[in-house]
Amino acid sequence: MRWLRHYWDEEDVMQFFEIDDEGWVVRQVELRGGPQTPTVAASRTELPDANRDGLAVVQAYEAKYGVLAEQPMSKWDADFRNADIERVEFEAIWKMARAHLGHHE
């Protein structure tokens, strides 16, 4: 696993990613604006399946926790600048974002 941080200046969003060995996002956090308000704290392992759970369940999850990146890192823009961070930093941000979005773990 790798943990990354990226600042998207056009949208004033700080993004954090947990990436698996194949380059897929496992968990993603986004903090928006000056107050760094959590807007995304989504996990691939808990994503509902539209065929199994129904579209309404998927939409409810995405409304609460946001949407994960849909492509592996290998397909991301070559200009995507990111910095490696430690797992402990990612976990602290993840915990704060989930608490803010209403899911206490």
PDB file of N, CA and C in Angstrom:
ATOM      1  N   MET A   1       0.839  -1.191   0.000  1.00  0.00           N
ATOM      2  CA  MET A   1       0.000   0.000   0.000  1.00  0.00           C
ATOM      3  C   MET A   1       0.877   1.246   0.000  1.00  0.00           C
ATOM      4  N   ARG A   2       0.337   2.282  -0.613  1.00  0.00           N
ATOM      5  CA  ARG A   2       0.957   3.609  -0.599  1.00  0.00           C
ATOM      6  C   ARG A   2      -0.091   4.616  -0.152  1.00  0.00           C
ATOM      7  N   TRP A   3       0.370   5.687   0.458  1.00  0.00           N
ATOM      8  CA  TRP A   3      -0.505   6.764   0.877  1.00  0.00           C
ATOM      9  C   TRP A   3       0.025   8.043   0.266  1.00  0.00           C
ATOM     10  N   LEU A   4      -0.869   8.786  -0.386  1.00  0.00           N
ATOM     11  CA  LEU A   4      -0.474   9.976  -1.141  1.00  0.00           C
ATOM     12  C   LEU A   4      -1.307  11.181  -0.748  1.00  0.00           C
ATOM     13  N   ARG A   5      -0.723  12.351  -0.950  1.00  0.00           N
ATOM     14  CA  ARG A   5      -1.412  13.625  -0.762  1.00  0.00           C
ATOM     15  C   ARG A   5      -1.267  14.410  -2.056  1.00  0.00           C
ATOM     16  N   HIS A   6      -2.332  15.091  -2.437  1.00  0.00           N
ATOM     17  CA  HIS A   6      -2.320  15.913  -3.659  1.00  0.00           C
ATOM     18  C   HIS A   6      -3.183  17.142  -3.411  1.00  0.00           C
ATOM     19  N   TYR A   7      -2.681  18.306  -3.803  1.00  0.00           N
ATOM     20  CA  TYR A   7      -3.479  19.532  -3.718  1.00  0.00           C
ATOM     21  C   TYR A   7      -3.953  19.902  -5.113  1.00  0.00           C
ATOM     22  N   TRP A   8      -5.274  19.969  -5.262  1.00  0.00           N
ATOM     23  CA  TRP A   8      -5.903  20.344  -6.527  1.00  0.00           C
ATOM     24  C   TRP A   8      -6.240  21.821  -6.433  1.00  0.00           C
ATOM     25  N   ASP A   9      -5.339  22.675  -6.927  1.00  0.00           N
ATOM     26  CA  ASP A   9      -5.493  24.111  -6.733  1.00  0.00           C
ATOM     27  C   ASP A   9      -6.697  24.706  -7.452  1.00  0.00           C
ATOM     28  N   GLU A  10      -7.076  24.178  -8.595  1.00  0.00           N
ATOM     29  CA  GLU A  10      -8.227  24.708  -9.336  1.00  0.00           C
ATOM     30  C   GLU A  10      -9.517  24.629  -8.529  1.00  0.00           C
ATOM     31  N   GLU A  11      -9.631  23.615  -7.677  1.00  0.00           N
ATOM     32  CA  GLU A  11     -10.846  23.421  -6.881  1.00  0.00           C
ATOM     33  C   GLU A  11     -10.611  23.685  -5.390  1.00  0.00           C
ATOM     34  N   ASP A  12      -9.373  24.042  -5.012  1.00  0.00           N
ATOM     35  CA  ASP A  12      -8.987  24.246  -3.616  1.00  0.00           C
ATOM     36  C   ASP A  12      -9.360  23.023  -2.767  1.00  0.00           C
ATOM     37  N   VAL A  13      -8.864  21.867  -3.221  1.00  0.00           N
ATOM     38  CA  VAL A  13      -9.152  20.595  -2.556  1.00  0.00           C
ATOM     39  C   VAL A  13      -7.849  19.862  -2.267  1.00  0.00           C
ATOM     40  N   MET A  14      -7.691  19.458  -1.011  1.00  0.00           N
ATOM     41  CA  MET A  14      -6.572  18.603  -0.628  1.00  0.00           C
ATOM     42  C   MET A  14      -7.097  17.169  -0.674  1.00  0.00           C
ATOM     43  N   GLN A  15      -6.429  16.330  -1.456  1.00  0.00           N
ATOM     44  CA  GLN A  15      -6.847  14.942  -1.632  1.00  0.00           C
ATOM     45  C   GLN A  15      -5.828  14.016  -0.989  1.00  0.00           C
ATOM     46  N   PHE A  16      -6.340  12.943  -0.401  1.00  0.00           N
ATOM     47  CA  PHE A  16      -5.503  11.914   0.205  1.00  0.00           C
ATOM     48  C   PHE A  16      -5.966  10.572  -0.334  1.00  0.00           C
ATOM     49  N   PHE A  17      -5.013   9.723  -0.703  1.00  0.00           N
ATOM     50  CA  PHE A  17      -5.338   8.442  -1.307  1.00  0.00           C
ATOM     51  C   PHE A  17      -4.584   7.314  -0.611  1.00  0.00           C
ATOM     52  N   GLU A  18      -5.272   6.204  -0.444  1.00  0.00           N
ATOM     53  CA  GLU A  18      -4.627   4.947  -0.082  1.00  0.00           C
ATOM     54  C   GLU A  18      -4.689   4.095  -1.345  1.00  0.00           C
ATOM     55  N   ILE A  19      -3.514   3.695  -1.849  1.00  0.00           N
ATOM     56  CA  ILE A  19      -3.409   3.021  -3.140  1.00  0.00           C
ATOM     57  C   ILE A  19      -2.909   1.591  -2.923  1.00  0.00           C
ATOM     58  N   ASP A  20      -3.568   0.613  -3.578  1.00  0.00           N
ATOM     59  CA  ASP A  20      -3.109  -0.772  -3.446  1.00  0.00           C
ATOM     60  C   ASP A  20      -1.947  -1.056  -4.395  1.00  0.00           C
ATOM     61  N   ASP A  21      -1.431  -2.264  -4.350  1.00  0.00           N
ATOM     62  CA  ASP A  21      -0.254  -2.628  -5.141  1.00  0.00           C
ATOM     63  C   ASP A  21      -0.501  -2.590  -6.651  1.00  0.00           C
ATOM     64  N   GLU A  22      -1.755  -2.623  -7.065  1.00  0.00           N
ATOM     65  CA  GLU A  22      -2.089  -2.562  -8.485  1.00  0.00           C
ATOM     66  C   GLU A  22      -2.439  -1.146  -8.940  1.00  0.00           C
ATOM     67  N   GLY A  23      -2.328  -0.173  -8.025  1.00  0.00           N
ATOM     68  CA  GLY A  23      -2.563   1.222  -8.382  1.00  0.00           C
ATOM     69  C   GLY A  23      -3.985   1.714  -8.201  1.00  0.00           C
ATOM     70  N   TRP A  24      -4.876   0.893  -7.663  1.00  0.00           N
ATOM     71  CA  TRP A  24      -6.271   1.298  -7.453  1.00  0.00           C
ATOM     72  C   TRP A  24      -6.431   2.004  -6.116  1.00  0.00           C
ATOM     73  N   VAL A  25      -7.305   2.995  -6.085  1.00  0.00           N
ATOM     74  CA  VAL A  25      -7.608   3.697  -4.839  1.00  0.00           C
ATOM     75  C   VAL A  25      -8.457   2.787  -3.961  1.00  0.00           C
ATOM     76  N   VAL A  26      -7.990   2.568  -2.739  1.00  0.00           N
ATOM     77  CA  VAL A  26      -8.727   1.766  -1.767  1.00  0.00           C
ATOM     78  C   VAL A  26      -9.584   2.685  -0.900  1.00  0.00           C
ATOM     79  N   ARG A  27      -8.972   3.782  -0.447  1.00  0.00           N
ATOM     80  CA  ARG A  27      -9.708   4.796   0.310  1.00  0.00           C
ATOM     81  C   ARG A  27      -9.268   6.170  -0.172  1.00  0.00           C
ATOM     82  N   GLN A  28     -10.197   7.117  -0.100  1.00  0.00           N
ATOM     83  CA  GLN A  28      -9.923   8.467  -0.588  1.00  0.00           C
ATOM     84  C   GLN A  28     -10.594   9.471   0.334  1.00  0.00           C
ATOM     85  N   VAL A  29      -9.868  10.542   0.649  1.00  0.00           N
ATOM     86  CA  VAL A  29     -10.388  11.645   1.459  1.00  0.00           C
ATOM     87  C   VAL A  29     -10.156  12.930   0.687  1.00  0.00           C
ATOM     88  N   GLU A  30     -11.145  13.829   0.741  1.00  0.00           N
ATOM     89  CA  GLU A  30     -10.978  15.155   0.165  1.00  0.00           C
ATOM     90  C   GLU A  30     -11.405  16.192   1.183  1.00  0.00           C
ATOM     91  N   LEU A  31     -10.552  17.213   1.344  1.00  0.00           N
ATOM     92  CA  LEU A  31     -10.814  18.321   2.251  1.00  0.00           C
ATOM     93  C   LEU A  31     -10.874  19.581   1.409  1.00  0.00           C
ATOM     94  N   ARG A  32     -11.986  20.319   1.506  1.00  0.00           N
ATOM     95  CA  ARG A  32     -12.237  21.456   0.615  1.00  0.00           C
ATOM     96  C   ARG A  32     -12.063  22.792   1.330  1.00  0.00           C
ATOM     97  N   GLY A  33     -11.414  23.717   0.629  1.00  0.00           N
ATOM     98  CA  GLY A  33     -11.337  25.105   1.063  1.00  0.00           C
ATOM     99  C   GLY A  33     -10.408  25.363   2.233  1.00  0.00           C
ATOM    100  N   GLY A  34     -10.402  26.631   2.648  1.00  0.00           N
ATOM    101  CA  GLY A  34      -9.566  27.063   3.753  1.00  0.00           C
ATOM    102  C   GLY A  34      -9.813  26.314   5.052  1.00  0.00           C
ATOM    103  N   PRO A  35     -11.081  26.065   5.394  1.00  0.00           N
ATOM    104  CA  PRO A  35     -11.306  25.316   6.635  1.00  0.00           C
ATOM    105  C   PRO A  35     -11.049  23.814   6.485  1.00  0.00           C
ATOM    106  N   GLN A  36     -10.697  23.391   5.278  1.00  0.00           N
ATOM    107  CA  GLN A  36     -10.468  21.976   4.967  1.00  0.00           C
ATOM    108  C   GLN A  36     -11.623  21.101   5.454  1.00  0.00           C
ATOM    109  N   THR A  37     -12.806  21.415   4.973  1.00  0.00           N
ATOM    110  CA  THR A  37     -14.011  20.672   5.305  1.00  0.00           C
ATOM    111  C   THR A  37     -14.033  19.355   4.545  1.00  0.00           C
ATOM    112  N   PRO A  38     -14.191  18.230   5.257  1.00  0.00           N
ATOM    113  CA  PRO A  38     -14.262  16.940   4.561  1.00  0.00           C
ATOM    114  C   PRO A  38     -15.491  16.849   3.669  1.00  0.00           C
ATOM    115  N   THR A  39     -15.261  16.466   2.414  1.00  0.00           N
ATOM    116  CA  THR A  39     -16.360  16.268   1.470  1.00  0.00           C
ATOM    117  C   THR A  39     -16.383  14.846   0.925  1.00  0.00           C
ATOM    118  N   VAL A  40     -15.257  14.140   1.039  1.00  0.00           N
ATOM    119  CA  VAL A  40     -15.161  12.753   0.588  1.00  0.00           C
ATOM    120  C   VAL A  40     -14.384  11.954   1.626  1.00  0.00           C
ATOM    121  N   ALA A  41     -14.900  10.775   1.944  1.00  0.00           N
ATOM    122  CA  ALA A  41     -14.195   9.792   2.784  1.00  0.00           C
ATOM    123  C   ALA A  41     -14.766   8.439   2.393  1.00  0.00           C
ATOM    124  N   ALA A  42     -14.406   7.987   1.198  1.00  0.00           N
ATOM    125  CA  ALA A  42     -14.985   6.780   0.616  1.00  0.00           C
ATOM    126  C   ALA A  42     -13.979   5.633   0.618  1.00  0.00           C
ATOM    127  N   SER A  43     -14.529   4.410   0.715  1.00  0.00           N
ATOM    128  CA  SER A  43     -13.703   3.203   0.769  1.00  0.00           C
ATOM    129  C   SER A  43     -14.207   2.182  -0.241  1.00  0.00           C
ATOM    130  N   ARG A  44     -13.302   1.682  -1.065  1.00  0.00           N
ATOM    131  CA  ARG A  44     -13.669   0.675  -2.066  1.00  0.00           C
ATOM    132  C   ARG A  44     -14.252  -0.585  -1.413  1.00  0.00           C
ATOM    133  N   THR A  45     -13.729  -0.949  -0.240  1.00  0.00           N
ATOM    134  CA  THR A  45     -14.168  -2.195   0.403  1.00  0.00           C
ATOM    135  C   THR A  45     -15.596  -2.136   0.904  1.00  0.00           C
ATOM    136  N   GLU A  46     -16.160  -0.953   1.071  1.00  0.00           N
ATOM    137  CA  GLU A  46     -17.528  -0.859   1.562  1.00  0.00           C
ATOM    138  C   GLU A  46     -18.511  -0.344   0.513  1.00  0.00           C
ATOM    139  N   LEU A  47     -18.022  -0.102  -0.695  1.00  0.00           N
ATOM    140  CA  LEU A  47     -18.922   0.388  -1.739  1.00  0.00           C
ATOM    141  C   LEU A  47     -20.043  -0.612  -2.007  1.00  0.00           C
ATOM    142  N   PRO A  48     -21.273  -0.149  -2.014  1.00  0.00           N
ATOM    143  CA  PRO A  48     -22.366  -1.052  -2.376  1.00  0.00           C
ATOM    144  C   PRO A  48     -22.316  -1.369  -3.870  1.00  0.00           C
ATOM    145  N   ASP A  49     -22.904  -2.479  -4.233  1.00  0.00           N
ATOM    146  CA  ASP A  49     -22.975  -2.922  -5.620  1.00  0.00           C
ATOM    147  C   ASP A  49     -24.377  -2.636  -6.147  1.00  0.00           C
ATOM    148  N   ALA A  50     -24.471  -1.884  -7.243  1.00  0.00           N
ATOM    149  CA  ALA A  50     -25.784  -1.504  -7.786  1.00  0.00           C
ATOM    150  C   ALA A  50     -26.619  -2.721  -8.148  1.00  0.00           C
ATOM    151  N   ASN A  51     -26.004  -3.762  -8.694  1.00  0.00           N
ATOM    152  CA  ASN A  51     -26.757  -4.955  -9.080  1.00  0.00           C
ATOM    153  C   ASN A  51     -27.272  -5.722  -7.869  1.00  0.00           C
ATOM    154  N   ARG A  52     -26.461  -5.784  -6.828  1.00  0.00           N
ATOM    155  CA  ARG A  52     -26.826  -6.541  -5.635  1.00  0.00           C
ATOM    156  C   ARG A  52     -27.663  -5.713  -4.667  1.00  0.00           C
ATOM    157  N   ASP A  53     -27.234  -4.456  -4.440  1.00  0.00           N
ATOM    158  CA  ASP A  53     -27.848  -3.644  -3.392  1.00  0.00           C
ATOM    159  C   ASP A  53     -28.880  -2.649  -3.912  1.00  0.00           C
ATOM    160  N   GLY A  54     -28.817  -2.355  -5.190  1.00  0.00           N
ATOM    161  CA  GLY A  54     -29.741  -1.388  -5.774  1.00  0.00           C
ATOM    162  C   GLY A  54     -29.102  -0.020  -5.939  1.00  0.00           C
ATOM    163  N   LEU A  55     -29.551   0.687  -6.937  1.00  0.00           N
ATOM    164  CA  LEU A  55     -29.009   1.998  -7.271  1.00  0.00           C
ATOM    165  C   LEU A  55     -29.220   2.999  -6.137  1.00  0.00           C
ATOM    166  N   ALA A  56     -30.341   2.929  -5.451  1.00  0.00           N
ATOM    167  CA  ALA A  56     -30.625   3.873  -4.366  1.00  0.00           C
ATOM    168  C   ALA A  56     -29.594   3.754  -3.245  1.00  0.00           C
ATOM    169  N   VAL A  57     -29.132   2.535  -2.955  1.00  0.00           N
ATOM    170  CA  VAL A  57     -28.126   2.325  -1.914  1.00  0.00           C
ATOM    171  C   VAL A  57     -26.791   2.928  -2.347  1.00  0.00           C
ATOM    172  N   VAL A  58     -26.425   2.737  -3.611  1.00  0.00           N
ATOM    173  CA  VAL A  58     -25.192   3.319  -4.145  1.00  0.00           C
ATOM    174  C   VAL A  58     -25.268   4.846  -4.071  1.00  0.00           C
ATOM    175  N   GLN A  59     -26.383   5.409  -4.487  1.00  0.00           N
ATOM    176  CA  GLN A  59     -26.543   6.866  -4.475  1.00  0.00           C
ATOM    177  C   GLN A  59     -26.490   7.414  -3.050  1.00  0.00           C
ATOM    178  N   ALA A  60     -27.071   6.704  -2.096  1.00  0.00           N
ATOM    179  CA  ALA A  60     -27.040   7.145  -0.697  1.00  0.00           C
ATOM    180  C   ALA A  60     -25.608   7.131  -0.159  1.00  0.00           C
ATOM    181  N   TYR A  61     -24.844   6.079  -0.493  1.00  0.00           N
ATOM    182  CA  TYR A  61     -23.447   6.004  -0.058  1.00  0.00           C
ATOM    183  C   TYR A  61     -22.654   7.170  -0.639  1.00  0.00           C
ATOM    184  N   GLU A  62     -22.792   7.393  -1.933  1.00  0.00           N
ATOM    185  CA  GLU A  62     -22.041   8.455  -2.601  1.00  0.00           C
ATOM    186  C   GLU A  62     -22.453   9.840  -2.095  1.00  0.00           C
ATOM    187  N   ALA A  63     -23.722  10.029  -1.752  1.00  0.00           N
ATOM    188  CA  ALA A  63     -24.174  11.311  -1.214  1.00  0.00           C
ATOM    189  C   ALA A  63     -23.548  11.572   0.160  1.00  0.00           C
ATOM    190  N   LYS A  64     -23.351  10.528   0.930  1.00  0.00           N
ATOM    191  CA  LYS A  64     -22.790  10.678   2.275  1.00  0.00           C
ATOM    192  C   LYS A  64     -21.269  10.727   2.265  1.00  0.00           C
ATOM    193  N   TYR A  65     -20.618   9.816   1.516  1.00  0.00           N
ATOM    194  CA  TYR A  65     -19.159   9.665   1.586  1.00  0.00           C
ATOM    195  C   TYR A  65     -18.417  10.086   0.332  1.00  0.00           C
ATOM    196  N   GLY A  66     -19.113  10.393  -0.735  1.00  0.00           N
ATOM    197  CA  GLY A  66     -18.451  10.811  -1.961  1.00  0.00           C
ATOM    198  C   GLY A  66     -18.093   9.647  -2.865  1.00  0.00           C
ATOM    199  N   VAL A  67     -17.322   9.948  -3.898  1.00  0.00           N
ATOM    200  CA  VAL A  67     -16.994   8.994  -4.950  1.00  0.00           C
ATOM    201  C   VAL A  67     -15.479   8.810  -5.015  1.00  0.00           C
ATOM    202  N   LEU A  68     -15.053   7.576  -5.206  1.00  0.00           N
ATOM    203  CA  LEU A  68     -13.627   7.262  -5.368  1.00  0.00           C
ATOM    204  C   LEU A  68     -13.158   7.547  -6.794  1.00  0.00           C
ATOM    205  N   ALA A  69     -11.854   7.750  -6.939  1.00  0.00           N
ATOM    206  CA  ALA A  69     -11.252   7.823  -8.272  1.00  0.00           C
ATOM    207  C   ALA A  69     -11.604   6.535  -9.010  1.00  0.00           C
ATOM    208  N   GLU A  70     -11.946   6.649 -10.279  1.00  0.00           N
ATOM    209  CA  GLU A  70     -12.451   5.499 -11.030  1.00  0.00           C
ATOM    210  C   GLU A  70     -11.390   4.796 -11.866  1.00  0.00           C
ATOM    211  N   GLN A  71     -10.167   5.293 -11.860  1.00  0.00           N
ATOM    212  CA  GLN A  71      -9.104   4.683 -12.659  1.00  0.00           C
ATOM    213  C   GLN A  71      -7.898   4.411 -11.766  1.00  0.00           C
ATOM    214  N   PRO A  72      -7.100   3.420 -12.130  1.00  0.00           N
ATOM    215  CA  PRO A  72      -5.860   3.193 -11.371  1.00  0.00           C
ATOM    216  C   PRO A  72      -4.879   4.336 -11.623  1.00  0.00           C
ATOM    217  N   MET A  73      -3.914   4.476 -10.731  1.00  0.00           N
ATOM    218  CA  MET A  73      -2.911   5.544 -10.851  1.00  0.00           C
ATOM    219  C   MET A  73      -2.218   5.567 -12.204  1.00  0.00           C
ATOM    220  N   SER A  74      -2.022   4.399 -12.803  1.00  0.00           N
ATOM    221  CA  SER A  74      -1.318   4.335 -14.087  1.00  0.00           C
ATOM    222  C   SER A  74      -2.050   5.109 -15.180  1.00  0.00           C
ATOM    223  N   LYS A  75      -3.330   5.387 -15.005  1.00  0.00           N
ATOM    224  CA  LYS A  75      -4.127   6.109 -16.002  1.00  0.00           C
ATOM    225  C   LYS A  75      -4.292   7.588 -15.658  1.00  0.00           C
ATOM    226  N   TRP A  76      -3.772   8.010 -14.489  1.00  0.00           N
ATOM    227  CA  TRP A  76      -3.910   9.406 -14.087  1.00  0.00           C
ATOM    228  C   TRP A  76      -3.044  10.286 -14.960  1.00  0.00           C
ATOM    229  N   ASP A  77      -3.388  11.541 -15.064  1.00  0.00           N
ATOM    230  CA  ASP A  77      -2.657  12.535 -15.833  1.00  0.00           C
ATOM    231  C   ASP A  77      -1.188  12.545 -15.423  1.00  0.00           C
ATOM    232  N   ALA A  78      -0.312  12.615 -16.388  1.00  0.00           N
ATOM    233  CA  ALA A  78       1.128  12.611 -16.122  1.00  0.00           C
ATOM    234  C   ALA A  78       1.558  13.810 -15.280  1.00  0.00           C
ATOM    235  N   ASP A  79       0.783  14.894 -15.304  1.00  0.00           N
ATOM    236  CA  ASP A  79       1.103  16.087 -14.529  1.00  0.00           C
ATOM    237  C   ASP A  79       0.570  16.027 -13.095  1.00  0.00           C
ATOM    238  N   PHE A  80      -0.077  14.922 -12.739  1.00  0.00           N
ATOM    239  CA  PHE A  80      -0.634  14.779 -11.393  1.00  0.00           C
ATOM    240  C   PHE A  80       0.521  14.733 -10.385  1.00  0.00           C
ATOM    241  N   ARG A  81       0.631  15.777  -9.602  1.00  0.00           N
ATOM    242  CA  ARG A  81       1.706  15.862  -8.617  1.00  0.00           C
ATOM    243  C   ARG A  81       1.192  15.394  -7.271  1.00  0.00           C
ATOM    244  N   ASN A  82       1.935  14.482  -6.677  1.00  0.00           N
ATOM    245  CA  ASN A  82       1.533  13.984  -5.372  1.00  0.00           C
ATOM    246  C   ASN A  82       2.772  13.779  -4.520  1.00  0.00           C
ATOM    247  N   ALA A  83       2.518  13.670  -3.233  1.00  0.00           N
ATOM    248  CA  ALA A  83       3.602  13.418  -2.285  1.00  0.00           C
ATOM    249  C   ALA A  83       3.236  12.199  -1.461  1.00  0.00           C
ATOM    250  N   ASP A  84       4.205  11.339  -1.237  1.00  0.00           N
ATOM    251  CA  ASP A  84       3.981  10.206  -0.350  1.00  0.00           C
ATOM    252  C   ASP A  84       3.844  10.718   1.074  1.00  0.00           C
ATOM    253  N   ILE A  85       2.930  10.109   1.816  1.00  0.00           N
ATOM    254  CA  ILE A  85       2.770  10.417   3.231  1.00  0.00           C
ATOM    255  C   ILE A  85       2.813   9.104   4.001  1.00  0.00           C
ATOM    256  N   GLU A  86       2.929   9.194   5.301  1.00  0.00           N
ATOM    257  CA  GLU A  86       2.947   8.017   6.153  1.00  0.00           C
ATOM    258  C   GLU A  86       1.519   7.531   6.402  1.00  0.00           C
ATOM    259  N   ARG A  87       1.396   6.238   6.630  1.00  0.00           N
ATOM    260  CA  ARG A  87       0.079   5.653   6.909  1.00  0.00           C
ATOM    261  C   ARG A  87      -0.581   6.324   8.108  1.00  0.00           C
ATOM    262  N   VAL A  88       0.187   6.628   9.147  1.00  0.00           N
ATOM    263  CA  VAL A  88      -0.386   7.228  10.350  1.00  0.00           C
ATOM    264  C   VAL A  88      -1.042   8.573  10.036  1.00  0.00           C
ATOM    265  N   GLU A  89      -0.450   9.356   9.132  1.00  0.00           N
ATOM    266  CA  GLU A  89      -1.051  10.629   8.726  1.00  0.00           C
ATOM    267  C   GLU A  89      -2.368  10.385   7.995  1.00  0.00           C
ATOM    268  N   PHE A  90      -2.361   9.424   7.062  1.00  0.00           N
ATOM    269  CA  PHE A  90      -3.586   9.113   6.333  1.00  0.00           C
ATOM    270  C   PHE A  90      -4.682   8.661   7.300  1.00  0.00           C
ATOM    271  N   GLU A  91      -4.338   7.779   8.245  1.00  0.00           N
ATOM    272  CA  GLU A  91      -5.333   7.245   9.178  1.00  0.00           C
ATOM    273  C   GLU A  91      -5.958   8.346  10.034  1.00  0.00           C
ATOM    274  N   ALA A  92      -5.164   9.312  10.462  1.00  0.00           N
ATOM    275  CA  ALA A  92      -5.694  10.420  11.262  1.00  0.00           C
ATOM    276  C   ALA A  92      -6.671  11.264  10.445  1.00  0.00           C
ATOM    277  N   ILE A  93      -6.321  11.537   9.197  1.00  0.00           N
ATOM    278  CA  ILE A  93      -7.201  12.320   8.313  1.00  0.00           C
ATOM    279  C   ILE A  93      -8.461  11.528   7.997  1.00  0.00           C
ATOM    280  N   TRP A  94      -8.307  10.235   7.735  1.00  0.00           N
ATOM    281  CA  TRP A  94      -9.449   9.365   7.459  1.00  0.00           C
ATOM    282  C   TRP A  94     -10.435   9.386   8.636  1.00  0.00           C
ATOM    283  N   LYS A  95      -9.920   9.199   9.831  1.00  0.00           N
ATOM    284  CA  LYS A  95     -10.761   9.150  11.034  1.00  0.00           C
ATOM    285  C   LYS A  95     -11.513  10.467  11.225  1.00  0.00           C
ATOM    286  N   MET A  96     -10.827  11.593  11.053  1.00  0.00           N
ATOM    287  CA  MET A  96     -11.459  12.895  11.198  1.00  0.00           C
ATOM    288  C   MET A  96     -12.543  13.102  10.142  1.00  0.00           C
ATOM    289  N   ALA A  97     -12.233  12.744   8.889  1.00  0.00           N
ATOM    290  CA  ALA A  97     -13.199  12.944   7.800  1.00  0.00           C
ATOM    291  C   ALA A  97     -14.435  12.071   7.988  1.00  0.00           C
ATOM    292  N   ARG A  98     -14.239  10.812   8.382  1.00  0.00           N
ATOM    293  CA  ARG A  98     -15.389   9.924   8.597  1.00  0.00           C
ATOM    294  C   ARG A  98     -16.255  10.413   9.743  1.00  0.00           C
ATOM    295  N   ALA A  99     -15.629  10.879  10.819  1.00  0.00           N
ATOM    296  CA  ALA A  99     -16.398  11.410  11.943  1.00  0.00           C
ATOM    297  C   ALA A  99     -17.224  12.618  11.483  1.00  0.00           C
ATOM    298  N   HIS A 100     -16.612  13.487  10.685  1.00  0.00           N
ATOM    299  CA  HIS A 100     -17.306  14.671  10.189  1.00  0.00           C
ATOM    300  C   HIS A 100     -18.491  14.290   9.295  1.00  0.00           C
ATOM    301  N   LEU A 101     -18.305  13.283   8.485  1.00  0.00           N
ATOM    302  CA  LEU A 101     -19.366  12.877   7.554  1.00  0.00           C
ATOM    303  C   LEU A 101     -20.388  11.944   8.218  1.00  0.00           C
ATOM    304  N   GLY A 102     -20.221  11.687   9.506  1.00  0.00           N
ATOM    305  CA  GLY A 102     -21.259  10.967  10.244  1.00  0.00           C
ATOM    306  C   GLY A 102     -21.056   9.492  10.445  1.00  0.00           C
ATOM    307  N   HIS A 103     -19.852   8.996  10.181  1.00  0.00           N
ATOM    308  CA  HIS A 103     -19.603   7.564  10.368  1.00  0.00           C
ATOM    309  C   HIS A 103     -18.465   7.420  11.352  1.00  0.00           C
ATOM    310  N   HIS A 104     -18.792   7.019  12.553  1.00  0.00           N
ATOM    311  CA  HIS A 104     -17.766   6.886  13.597  1.00  0.00           C
ATOM    312  C   HIS A 104     -17.236   5.455  13.603  1.00  0.00           C
ATOM    313  N   GLU A 105     -15.924   5.343  13.431  1.00  0.00           N
ATOM    314  CA  GLU A 105     -15.293   4.022  13.434  1.00  0.00           C
ATOM    315  C   GLU A 105     -14.408   3.886  14.641  1.00  0.00           C
TER     316      GLU A 105
END
